[in-house]
Amino acid sequence: MLEIGEKGQGYVASSILSLLIKNYTKSAKEFVPFLESNTNFFSINTDKPFDKIMDEVNSKVEPTVIHIRPGANSMELRTEISTQLVS
């Protein structure tokens, strides 16, 4: 906020910013346990070297398998979907 300056677009007063951060933290404390019990939610510890963090991220993402069945649109749509997912 200091770099934006008080007159800059997007500036938020520190008291409001503090309140928003407190609300986010409170909401996360309630929402994360819900996600952990109802979805394939993973927490990644970022207090490690970056390469270790990325290894952990990849270990959660890489096993993902998606099956795309060809339909009336032939194999072209299946190929396009696969290409977009890979990129």
N, C-alpha and C. Protein backbone atom coordinates (compact mmCIF):
# COMPACT_ATOMS: atom_id res chain seq x y z
N MET A 1 0.82 -1.19 0.00
CA MET A 1 0.00 0.00 0.00
C MET A 1 0.87 1.25 0.00
N LEU A 2 2.05 1.16 0.62
CA LEU A 2 2.92 2.33 0.63
C LEU A 2 3.36 2.70 -0.77
N GLU A 3 3.61 1.69 -1.62
CA GLU A 3 4.04 1.96 -2.99
C GLU A 3 2.91 2.56 -3.82
N ILE A 4 1.67 2.18 -3.53
CA ILE A 4 0.53 2.72 -4.28
C ILE A 4 0.30 4.18 -3.89
N GLY A 5 0.44 4.48 -2.61
CA GLY A 5 0.20 5.84 -2.13
C GLY A 5 -1.28 6.05 -1.84
N GLU A 6 -1.57 6.92 -0.91
CA GLU A 6 -2.95 7.14 -0.47
C GLU A 6 -3.87 7.60 -1.60
N LYS A 7 -3.35 8.30 -2.57
CA LYS A 7 -4.19 8.79 -3.65
C LYS A 7 -4.24 7.83 -4.84
N GLY A 8 -3.48 6.74 -4.76
CA GLY A 8 -3.42 5.79 -5.86
C GLY A 8 -4.67 4.92 -5.95
N GLN A 9 -4.99 4.53 -7.18
CA GLN A 9 -6.14 3.64 -7.37
C GLN A 9 -5.82 2.30 -6.73
N GLY A 10 -6.75 1.75 -5.99
CA GLY A 10 -6.55 0.48 -5.32
C GLY A 10 -6.00 0.60 -3.91
N TYR A 11 -5.74 1.81 -3.46
CA TYR A 11 -5.24 2.01 -2.10
C TYR A 11 -6.29 1.61 -1.09
N VAL A 12 -5.87 0.89 -0.06
CA VAL A 12 -6.76 0.50 1.03
C VAL A 12 -6.09 0.93 2.33
N ALA A 13 -6.82 1.63 3.16
CA ALA A 13 -6.28 2.08 4.44
C ALA A 13 -5.84 0.88 5.27
N SER A 14 -4.79 1.05 6.05
CA SER A 14 -4.23 -0.07 6.81
C SER A 14 -5.24 -0.67 7.79
N SER A 15 -6.13 0.15 8.34
CA SER A 15 -7.13 -0.38 9.28
C SER A 15 -8.11 -1.30 8.55
N ILE A 16 -8.48 -0.93 7.34
CA ILE A 16 -9.39 -1.78 6.56
C ILE A 16 -8.65 -3.02 6.10
N LEU A 17 -7.42 -2.87 5.65
CA LEU A 17 -6.61 -4.00 5.21
C LEU A 17 -6.43 -5.00 6.35
N SER A 18 -6.16 -4.50 7.54
CA SER A 18 -6.01 -5.36 8.70
C SER A 18 -7.28 -6.14 8.98
N LEU A 19 -8.42 -5.49 8.89
CA LEU A 19 -9.70 -6.16 9.10
C LEU A 19 -9.95 -7.23 8.04
N LEU A 20 -9.63 -6.92 6.79
CA LEU A 20 -9.81 -7.89 5.72
C LEU A 20 -8.92 -9.13 5.93
N ILE A 21 -7.70 -8.91 6.37
CA ILE A 21 -6.78 -10.03 6.63
C ILE A 21 -7.29 -10.87 7.79
N LYS A 22 -7.78 -10.23 8.85
CA LYS A 22 -8.34 -10.98 9.99
C LYS A 22 -9.55 -11.79 9.56
N ASN A 23 -10.43 -11.21 8.74
CA ASN A 23 -11.60 -11.95 8.26
C ASN A 23 -11.20 -13.13 7.38
N TYR A 24 -10.20 -12.92 6.53
CA TYR A 24 -9.72 -14.01 5.68
C TYR A 24 -9.15 -15.15 6.52
N THR A 25 -8.33 -14.80 7.51
CA THR A 25 -7.73 -15.81 8.38
C THR A 25 -8.80 -16.60 9.12
N LYS A 26 -9.81 -15.92 9.64
CA LYS A 26 -10.90 -16.59 10.36
C LYS A 26 -11.67 -17.51 9.41
N SER A 27 -11.98 -17.02 8.23
CA SER A 27 -12.73 -17.83 7.26
C SER A 27 -11.93 -19.06 6.83
N ALA A 28 -10.62 -18.88 6.63
CA ALA A 28 -9.78 -19.99 6.21
C ALA A 28 -9.74 -21.08 7.28
N LYS A 29 -9.72 -20.68 8.54
CA LYS A 29 -9.69 -21.66 9.63
C LYS A 29 -10.94 -22.53 9.62
N GLU A 30 -12.05 -21.97 9.18
CA GLU A 30 -13.30 -22.73 9.11
C GLU A 30 -13.41 -23.50 7.80
N PHE A 31 -12.92 -22.93 6.72
CA PHE A 31 -13.11 -23.50 5.40
C PHE A 31 -12.13 -24.63 5.08
N VAL A 32 -10.88 -24.51 5.52
CA VAL A 32 -9.87 -25.52 5.22
C VAL A 32 -10.26 -26.90 5.76
N PRO A 33 -10.71 -27.04 7.01
CA PRO A 33 -11.13 -28.37 7.48
C PRO A 33 -12.27 -28.96 6.65
N PHE A 34 -13.19 -28.11 6.20
CA PHE A 34 -14.27 -28.58 5.32
C PHE A 34 -13.69 -29.14 4.03
N LEU A 35 -12.77 -28.41 3.42
CA LEU A 35 -12.15 -28.87 2.18
C LEU A 35 -11.39 -30.17 2.39
N GLU A 36 -10.66 -30.27 3.50
CA GLU A 36 -9.88 -31.47 3.78
C GLU A 36 -10.76 -32.71 3.91
N SER A 37 -11.94 -32.55 4.48
CA SER A 37 -12.80 -33.72 4.70
C SER A 37 -13.73 -34.01 3.53
N ASN A 38 -13.93 -33.05 2.62
CA ASN A 38 -14.91 -33.24 1.55
C ASN A 38 -14.34 -33.20 0.13
N THR A 39 -13.05 -32.94 0.00
CA THR A 39 -12.44 -32.85 -1.33
C THR A 39 -11.06 -33.48 -1.31
N ASN A 40 -10.39 -33.45 -2.44
CA ASN A 40 -8.99 -33.88 -2.51
C ASN A 40 -8.09 -32.67 -2.25
N PHE A 41 -8.23 -32.10 -1.09
CA PHE A 41 -7.51 -30.89 -0.69
C PHE A 41 -6.13 -31.27 -0.17
N PHE A 42 -5.12 -30.52 -0.57
CA PHE A 42 -3.77 -30.75 -0.08
C PHE A 42 -3.19 -29.44 0.43
N SER A 43 -2.51 -29.49 1.55
CA SER A 43 -1.77 -28.33 2.06
C SER A 43 -0.31 -28.52 1.72
N ILE A 44 0.33 -27.48 1.28
CA ILE A 44 1.74 -27.53 0.94
C ILE A 44 2.49 -26.61 1.89
N ASN A 45 3.50 -27.16 2.57
CA ASN A 45 4.32 -26.38 3.49
C ASN A 45 5.33 -25.58 2.68
N THR A 46 5.25 -24.27 2.72
CA THR A 46 6.14 -23.43 1.93
C THR A 46 7.35 -22.93 2.72
N ASP A 47 7.59 -23.52 3.88
CA ASP A 47 8.78 -23.16 4.67
C ASP A 47 9.95 -24.06 4.31
N LYS A 48 10.10 -24.34 3.02
CA LYS A 48 11.17 -25.20 2.52
C LYS A 48 11.78 -24.53 1.29
N PRO A 49 12.92 -25.06 0.82
CA PRO A 49 13.47 -24.54 -0.43
C PRO A 49 12.47 -24.74 -1.58
N PHE A 50 12.53 -23.82 -2.55
CA PHE A 50 11.55 -23.82 -3.64
C PHE A 50 11.50 -25.15 -4.38
N ASP A 51 12.64 -25.78 -4.66
CA ASP A 51 12.62 -27.04 -5.40
C ASP A 51 11.91 -28.14 -4.62
N LYS A 52 12.02 -28.13 -3.30
CA LYS A 52 11.31 -29.11 -2.47
C LYS A 52 9.80 -28.85 -2.48
N ILE A 53 9.44 -27.56 -2.47
CA ILE A 53 8.02 -27.20 -2.54
C ILE A 53 7.44 -27.70 -3.86
N MET A 54 8.15 -27.45 -4.96
CA MET A 54 7.65 -27.87 -6.27
C MET A 54 7.58 -29.39 -6.38
N ASP A 55 8.52 -30.11 -5.77
CA ASP A 55 8.44 -31.57 -5.75
C ASP A 55 7.16 -32.03 -5.06
N GLU A 56 6.82 -31.36 -3.95
CA GLU A 56 5.60 -31.71 -3.23
C GLU A 56 4.35 -31.37 -4.05
N VAL A 57 4.35 -30.21 -4.68
CA VAL A 57 3.23 -29.82 -5.54
C VAL A 57 3.06 -30.84 -6.65
N ASN A 58 4.15 -31.18 -7.32
CA ASN A 58 4.09 -32.14 -8.42
C ASN A 58 3.63 -33.52 -7.95
N SER A 59 4.00 -33.91 -6.74
CA SER A 59 3.57 -35.22 -6.23
C SER A 59 2.06 -35.27 -6.02
N LYS A 60 1.44 -34.11 -5.82
CA LYS A 60 -0.01 -34.06 -5.65
C LYS A 60 -0.73 -33.95 -6.98
N VAL A 61 -0.11 -33.26 -7.95
CA VAL A 61 -0.75 -32.99 -9.23
C VAL A 61 -0.49 -34.10 -10.24
N GLU A 62 0.75 -34.57 -10.31
CA GLU A 62 1.15 -35.51 -11.35
C GLU A 62 0.33 -36.80 -11.41
N PRO A 63 -0.12 -37.37 -10.29
CA PRO A 63 -0.87 -38.62 -10.41
C PRO A 63 -2.28 -38.45 -11.00
N THR A 64 -2.68 -37.22 -11.29
CA THR A 64 -4.02 -36.97 -11.79
C THR A 64 -4.22 -37.64 -13.15
N VAL A 65 -5.29 -38.40 -13.28
CA VAL A 65 -5.61 -39.06 -14.55
C VAL A 65 -6.97 -38.56 -15.01
N ILE A 66 -7.02 -38.10 -16.24
CA ILE A 66 -8.28 -37.63 -16.81
C ILE A 66 -8.53 -38.42 -18.08
N HIS A 67 -9.69 -39.02 -18.17
CA HIS A 67 -10.07 -39.77 -19.37
C HIS A 67 -11.04 -38.93 -20.18
N ILE A 68 -10.68 -38.68 -21.43
CA ILE A 68 -11.54 -37.90 -22.31
C ILE A 68 -12.03 -38.83 -23.41
N ARG A 69 -13.33 -39.12 -23.39
CA ARG A 69 -13.90 -40.01 -24.40
C ARG A 69 -14.21 -39.25 -25.67
N PRO A 70 -13.87 -39.81 -26.82
CA PRO A 70 -14.30 -39.15 -28.06
C PRO A 70 -15.80 -39.30 -28.22
N GLY A 71 -16.43 -38.28 -28.72
CA GLY A 71 -17.88 -38.34 -28.93
C GLY A 71 -18.21 -37.99 -30.36
N ALA A 72 -19.33 -37.34 -30.57
CA ALA A 72 -19.80 -36.99 -31.91
C ALA A 72 -18.85 -36.04 -32.61
N ASN A 73 -18.03 -35.32 -31.84
CA ASN A 73 -17.11 -34.34 -32.43
C ASN A 73 -15.80 -34.97 -32.89
N SER A 74 -15.75 -36.27 -32.95
CA SER A 74 -14.57 -37.04 -33.37
C SER A 74 -13.39 -36.83 -32.43
N MET A 75 -12.24 -37.20 -32.91
CA MET A 75 -11.03 -37.14 -32.09
C MET A 75 -10.45 -35.73 -32.01
N GLU A 76 -10.87 -34.82 -32.90
CA GLU A 76 -10.28 -33.47 -32.90
C GLU A 76 -10.52 -32.75 -31.58
N LEU A 77 -11.74 -32.81 -31.08
CA LEU A 77 -12.05 -32.14 -29.81
C LEU A 77 -11.28 -32.78 -28.67
N ARG A 78 -11.19 -34.10 -28.67
CA ARG A 78 -10.44 -34.80 -27.62
C ARG A 78 -8.99 -34.36 -27.64
N THR A 79 -8.41 -34.26 -28.82
CA THR A 79 -7.02 -33.82 -28.95
C THR A 79 -6.85 -32.38 -28.48
N GLU A 80 -7.78 -31.54 -28.84
CA GLU A 80 -7.71 -30.13 -28.43
C GLU A 80 -7.81 -29.99 -26.92
N ILE A 81 -8.73 -30.72 -26.30
CA ILE A 81 -8.87 -30.69 -24.83
C ILE A 81 -7.58 -31.16 -24.17
N SER A 82 -7.05 -32.27 -24.65
CA SER A 82 -5.82 -32.81 -24.08
C SER A 82 -4.66 -31.82 -24.20
N THR A 83 -4.56 -31.18 -25.36
CA THR A 83 -3.49 -30.21 -25.57
C THR A 83 -3.62 -29.04 -24.62
N GLN A 84 -4.85 -28.54 -24.44
CA GLN A 84 -5.07 -27.41 -23.52
C GLN A 84 -4.76 -27.80 -22.08
N LEU A 85 -5.11 -29.01 -21.67
CA LEU A 85 -4.84 -29.45 -20.30
C LEU A 85 -3.34 -29.55 -20.05
N VAL A 86 -2.62 -30.04 -21.04
CA VAL A 86 -1.17 -30.18 -20.89
C VAL A 86 -0.49 -28.82 -20.78
N SER A 87 -0.98 -27.86 -21.58
CA SER A 87 -0.34 -26.54 -21.52
C SER A 87 -0.79 -25.79 -20.29
